[in-house]
Protein backbone atom coordinates (compact mmCIF):
# COMPACT_ATOMS: atom_id res chain seq x y z
CA MET A 1 133.53 -15.30 84.09
CA LYS A 2 134.98 -14.75 80.80
CA LYS A 3 135.18 -11.60 78.92
CA ILE A 4 136.20 -10.98 75.43
CA LEU A 5 136.67 -7.37 73.33
CA ILE A 6 136.40 -7.72 70.11
CA LEU A 7 137.85 -4.76 68.11
CA ASN A 8 137.69 -3.47 63.91
CA GLN A 9 140.78 -5.56 62.47
CA THR A 10 142.36 -2.39 61.45
CA LYS A 11 142.48 -0.60 64.49
CA ILE A 12 144.13 -3.25 66.50
CA VAL A 13 146.47 -2.17 68.74
CA ASP A 14 149.48 -3.70 69.45
CA SER A 15 150.82 -5.65 71.97
CA ALA A 16 153.74 -3.01 72.95
CA ASP A 17 150.67 -0.38 73.61
CA LEU A 18 148.40 -2.77 75.87
CA LYS A 19 150.11 -0.67 79.22
CA THR A 20 148.65 1.80 77.58
CA ILE A 21 145.10 0.49 77.85
CA GLY A 22 142.27 0.97 80.92
CA ILE A 23 138.57 1.17 81.47
CA LEU A 24 137.10 4.18 82.57
CA ASN A 25 133.33 4.64 84.34
CA LEU A 26 131.95 7.96 82.43
CA LYS A 27 129.05 9.88 82.57
CA HIS A 28 126.35 8.42 79.27
CA PRO A 29 125.07 11.11 77.25
CA LYS A 30 121.50 9.64 77.34
CA GLU A 31 120.89 8.72 80.50
CA GLY A 32 123.52 9.79 82.61
CA GLU A 33 124.67 6.85 84.07
CA LYS A 34 128.10 6.14 84.68
CA VAL A 35 129.27 2.87 82.18
CA PRO A 36 132.63 1.76 81.22
CA PHE A 37 134.56 3.01 78.59
CA LEU A 38 137.73 1.25 77.28
CA ILE A 39 140.95 4.08 76.77
CA HIS A 40 144.00 3.66 74.68
CA GLU A 41 146.41 5.86 75.15
CA THR A 42 149.04 7.26 72.51
CA CYS A 43 152.02 9.34 73.21
CA ASP A 44 150.10 12.45 72.00
CA ASP A 45 146.42 11.44 72.55
CA LEU A 46 143.56 9.54 73.97
CA ILE A 47 140.77 7.06 72.17
CA ILE A 48 137.68 6.46 73.71
CA TYR A 49 135.87 3.22 72.73
CA GLU A 50 132.27 1.64 73.95
CA LEU A 51 131.38 -1.51 74.79
CA ILE A 52 128.67 -2.67 73.41
CA ASN A 53 127.19 -6.55 74.12
CA TYR A 54 126.77 -8.88 71.88
CA THR A 55 125.33 -11.50 73.72
CA GLN A 56 122.10 -10.31 76.42
CA GLU A 57 122.81 -13.14 78.49
CA THR A 58 126.03 -15.48 79.72
CA SER A 59 126.87 -17.99 76.54
CA CYS A 60 129.42 -21.06 75.62
CA LEU A 61 131.93 -19.55 73.01
CA PHE A 62 134.47 -21.78 71.04
CA ILE A 63 138.24 -20.32 71.23
CA ASP A 64 140.49 -22.54 69.10
CA ASN A 65 140.41 -25.76 70.65
CA TYR A 66 138.42 -24.85 74.00
CA ILE A 67 134.73 -24.22 74.70
CA GLN A 68 134.92 -21.10 77.10
CA THR A 69 131.61 -21.35 79.14
CA ASP A 70 129.93 -18.45 80.97
CA SER A 71 131.18 -15.37 79.06
CA LEU A 72 130.26 -12.28 77.77
CA ILE A 73 131.49 -10.54 74.25
CA TYR A 74 132.05 -6.87 74.08
CA PHE A 75 132.29 -5.20 70.37
CA LEU A 76 134.39 -2.01 70.38
CA THR A 77 133.05 0.95 68.81
CA LYS A 78 135.29 4.55 68.55
CA PHE A 79 133.12 6.89 70.47
CA ASN A 80 132.53 10.84 69.44
CA LEU A 81 133.65 12.98 71.92
CA CYS A 82 131.24 15.65 70.57
CA TYR A 83 128.36 13.25 72.40
CA PHE A 84 129.67 14.09 75.87
CA ILE A 85 130.35 17.70 75.12
CA ILE A 86 126.66 18.28 73.60
CA ASP A 87 125.23 16.97 76.55
CA PHE A 88 127.86 18.93 79.01
CA LEU A 89 126.81 22.30 77.50
CA THR A 90 123.35 21.61 77.56
CA ASN A 91 123.20 20.82 80.99
CA CYS A 92 125.48 23.41 81.88
CA ASP A 93 125.08 27.02 83.60
CA GLN A 94 128.63 28.33 82.40
CA PHE A 95 129.11 29.60 78.99
CA GLU A 96 132.01 31.45 79.87
CA PHE A 97 135.73 29.86 80.15
CA GLU A 98 139.10 31.84 80.88
CA SER A 99 140.46 28.81 78.29
CA VAL A 100 140.33 25.39 76.40
CA ASP A 101 141.65 24.12 79.54
CA GLU A 102 139.51 25.45 81.73
CA PHE A 103 137.02 24.09 79.55
CA LYS A 104 138.30 20.67 79.54
CA SER A 105 138.34 20.46 83.41
CA LYS A 106 134.57 21.50 83.55
CA LEU A 107 133.74 18.79 80.90
CA PHE A 108 136.05 15.98 82.55
CA LYS A 109 134.57 16.74 86.28
CA TYR A 110 131.11 16.00 84.77
CA LEU A 111 132.19 12.80 83.12
CA THR A 112 133.46 11.28 86.08
CA ASP A 113 134.02 12.33 89.76
CA SER A 114 136.85 10.06 89.83
CA LYS A 115 140.20 12.11 90.58
CA GLU A 116 142.52 8.93 88.96
CA GLU A 117 139.59 9.20 85.73
CA PHE A 118 139.87 12.93 85.58
CA SER A 119 144.18 12.65 85.34
CA SER A 120 143.73 9.69 82.69
CA LEU A 121 141.06 12.15 80.84
CA SER A 122 144.20 15.05 80.46
CA LYS A 123 145.70 13.98 77.20
CA LEU A 124 142.34 13.70 75.78
CA LYS A 125 141.92 15.98 72.52
CA LEU A 126 138.59 18.15 71.85
CA PRO A 127 136.92 18.18 67.87
CA ASP A 128 136.61 21.19 66.79
CA LEU A 129 133.97 23.01 69.08
CA LYS A 130 133.07 25.68 66.28
CA LEU A 131 130.92 22.53 64.49
CA PHE A 132 127.76 23.41 66.86
CA PHE A 133 129.00 26.30 69.25
CA ASP A 134 129.95 29.77 68.76
CA VAL A 135 133.47 30.36 70.16
CA THR A 136 134.45 33.46 70.75
CA GLU A 137 138.24 33.64 72.41
CA ASP A 138 140.49 36.62 73.16
CA GLU A 139 143.30 37.56 75.89
CA SER A 140 140.56 37.65 78.12
CA LYS A 141 138.21 34.89 77.99
CA PHE A 142 136.91 31.86 75.55
CA GLU A 143 133.43 32.13 75.68
CA ILE A 144 131.40 28.90 74.03
CA ILE A 145 127.64 29.39 73.42
CA PHE A 146 125.94 27.04 72.76
CA ASN A 147 124.51 27.24 69.32
CA GLY A 148 121.09 25.09 68.60
CA SER A 149 121.02 25.91 64.53
CA LYS A 150 124.97 24.74 64.28
CA CYS A 151 124.05 21.94 66.42
CA ASN A 152 120.89 20.19 65.10
CA GLU A 153 122.84 20.71 61.81
CA TRP A 154 126.00 18.83 62.95
CA LEU A 155 122.96 15.75 63.76
CA LYS A 156 120.83 16.00 60.92
CA THR A 157 124.46 15.48 58.61
CA LYS A 158 124.89 12.79 60.71
CA ILE A 159 121.08 11.25 60.36
CA ASP A 160 121.47 11.65 56.61
CA LYS A 161 124.80 9.20 56.99
CA LEU A 162 123.20 7.20 57.97
CA CYS A 163 119.72 6.84 56.44
CA ASN A 164 122.35 6.24 53.51
CA LEU A 165 124.22 3.65 55.03
CA ILE A 166 120.65 1.87 56.65
CA GLU A 167 119.36 2.01 52.45
CA THR A 168 121.88 0.07 51.20
CA SER A 169 121.93 -2.19 54.65
CA ASN A 170 119.92 -5.53 54.49
CA ASN A 171 117.35 -4.17 57.07
CA GLY A 172 117.16 -1.26 54.35
CA VAL A 173 115.94 -3.86 51.52
CA GLU A 174 113.22 -5.54 53.83
CA ILE A 175 112.01 -1.82 54.37
CA LYS A 176 111.69 -1.07 50.67
CA LYS A 177 110.00 -4.71 50.16
CA LYS A 178 107.20 -4.04 52.70
CA LEU A 179 106.85 -0.02 51.75
CA ASN A 180 107.49 -0.96 47.93
CA ASP A 181 104.19 1.34 47.27
CA ASP A 182 104.98 4.18 49.47
CA PRO A 183 108.48 5.60 49.02
CA LYS A 184 107.39 8.55 51.56
CA ASP A 185 107.02 5.64 53.84
CA LYS A 186 110.09 4.05 53.00
CA ASN A 187 112.24 7.28 53.78
CA ASP A 188 109.91 8.05 56.38
CA LYS A 189 111.11 4.46 58.34
CA ILE A 190 114.37 4.81 57.45
CA LYS A 191 114.78 8.03 58.85
CA GLN A 192 113.36 6.80 61.77
CA GLU A 193 116.02 4.61 62.46
CA ALA A 194 118.34 6.66 61.93
CA PHE A 195 117.03 9.19 64.56
CA ASP A 196 116.98 6.37 66.71
CA LEU A 197 120.52 4.98 66.62
CA ILE A 198 121.55 8.75 67.01
CA SER A 199 119.20 9.34 69.78
CA GLN A 200 120.93 6.77 71.98
CA TYR A 201 123.64 9.41 72.29
CA LEU A 202 121.68 12.76 73.40
CA ASN A 203 119.85 13.72 76.42
CA LYS A 204 116.13 14.09 76.59
CA ASN A 205 116.01 17.79 76.12
CA ILE A 206 118.21 17.63 72.40
CA SER A 207 116.15 14.61 71.41
CA THR A 208 113.06 15.83 71.44
CA LYS A 209 113.92 18.99 69.90
CA LEU A 210 115.59 17.20 67.01
CA ARG A 211 112.61 14.91 66.30
CA LYS A 212 110.69 17.95 65.95
CA GLU A 213 113.01 19.47 63.59
CA LEU A 214 113.04 16.04 61.47
CA SER A 215 109.32 16.81 61.45
CA LEU A 216 109.29 12.69 63.06
CA SER A 217 106.38 11.57 65.51
CA SER A 218 106.67 10.64 68.64
CA PRO A 219 106.70 6.75 69.92
CA LEU A 220 104.69 5.25 72.52
CA THR A 221 108.03 4.45 73.75
CA GLU A 222 111.42 5.39 73.24
CA LEU A 223 113.68 3.13 72.39
CA SER A 224 116.42 2.26 74.73
CA SER A 225 120.09 0.90 73.85
CA GLU A 226 120.88 0.78 77.89
CA ASN A 227 120.66 -2.87 78.02
CA LYS A 228 123.13 -3.23 75.18
CA ARG A 229 125.39 -1.24 76.82
CA ALA A 230 128.49 -2.61 79.47
CA LYS A 231 127.51 -2.32 83.24
CA GLN A 232 129.89 -0.27 85.65
CA ASN A 233 131.78 -2.84 87.45
CA VAL A 234 131.34 -5.57 85.35
CA VAL A 235 134.39 -4.86 82.62
CA THR A 236 137.41 -5.44 84.01
CA LEU A 237 140.85 -6.04 82.46
CA ASP A 238 142.20 -8.40 85.15
């Protein structure tokens, strides 16, 4: 079976760096199941990409002058590490750490139980934790306290940006046509779509709280993009 990975052309990895590319199976913040992520190691950092299925089933593809049968296509999108951290600390009993290194070690152990994958994560640079946590650091301790208000504000900012993108997209135009007589319904629909996208990276506890913050009604069935993600042990670089 042929696996084809597609990356934004502005982010093409130089062929000289191909040896630094690999696959890690890490705990996804939504369902908590292990899913494959593509990693690209640079001189001083580690970039993680999520793999999203382009097709639900195998299909035939035209590649150059050949027809490739029984193929899978995955789009690579850079993964925001903040979702890993939010999931970790909302499921963790420990909030006080002796150092940033200890925090990273506990985070990595939460994401994987593989010693090899744990070692591969060592170059990973953390985002600014103060965006959604209260951080206190002195000579004797490194304390991180989950701040629900900061976290919600960070997530709501993400949703606002998505709303702007959806409103100008083809999907947003269709929503406007259907709900042209009621601007409030249109805005609520766009906000719901933006929330649905963000919630694919949040555990149920955080997702439920954020839904209440945004005053969105609960759906009869919660949407999931789990079937669009690459499956563990399916994607390899062989």
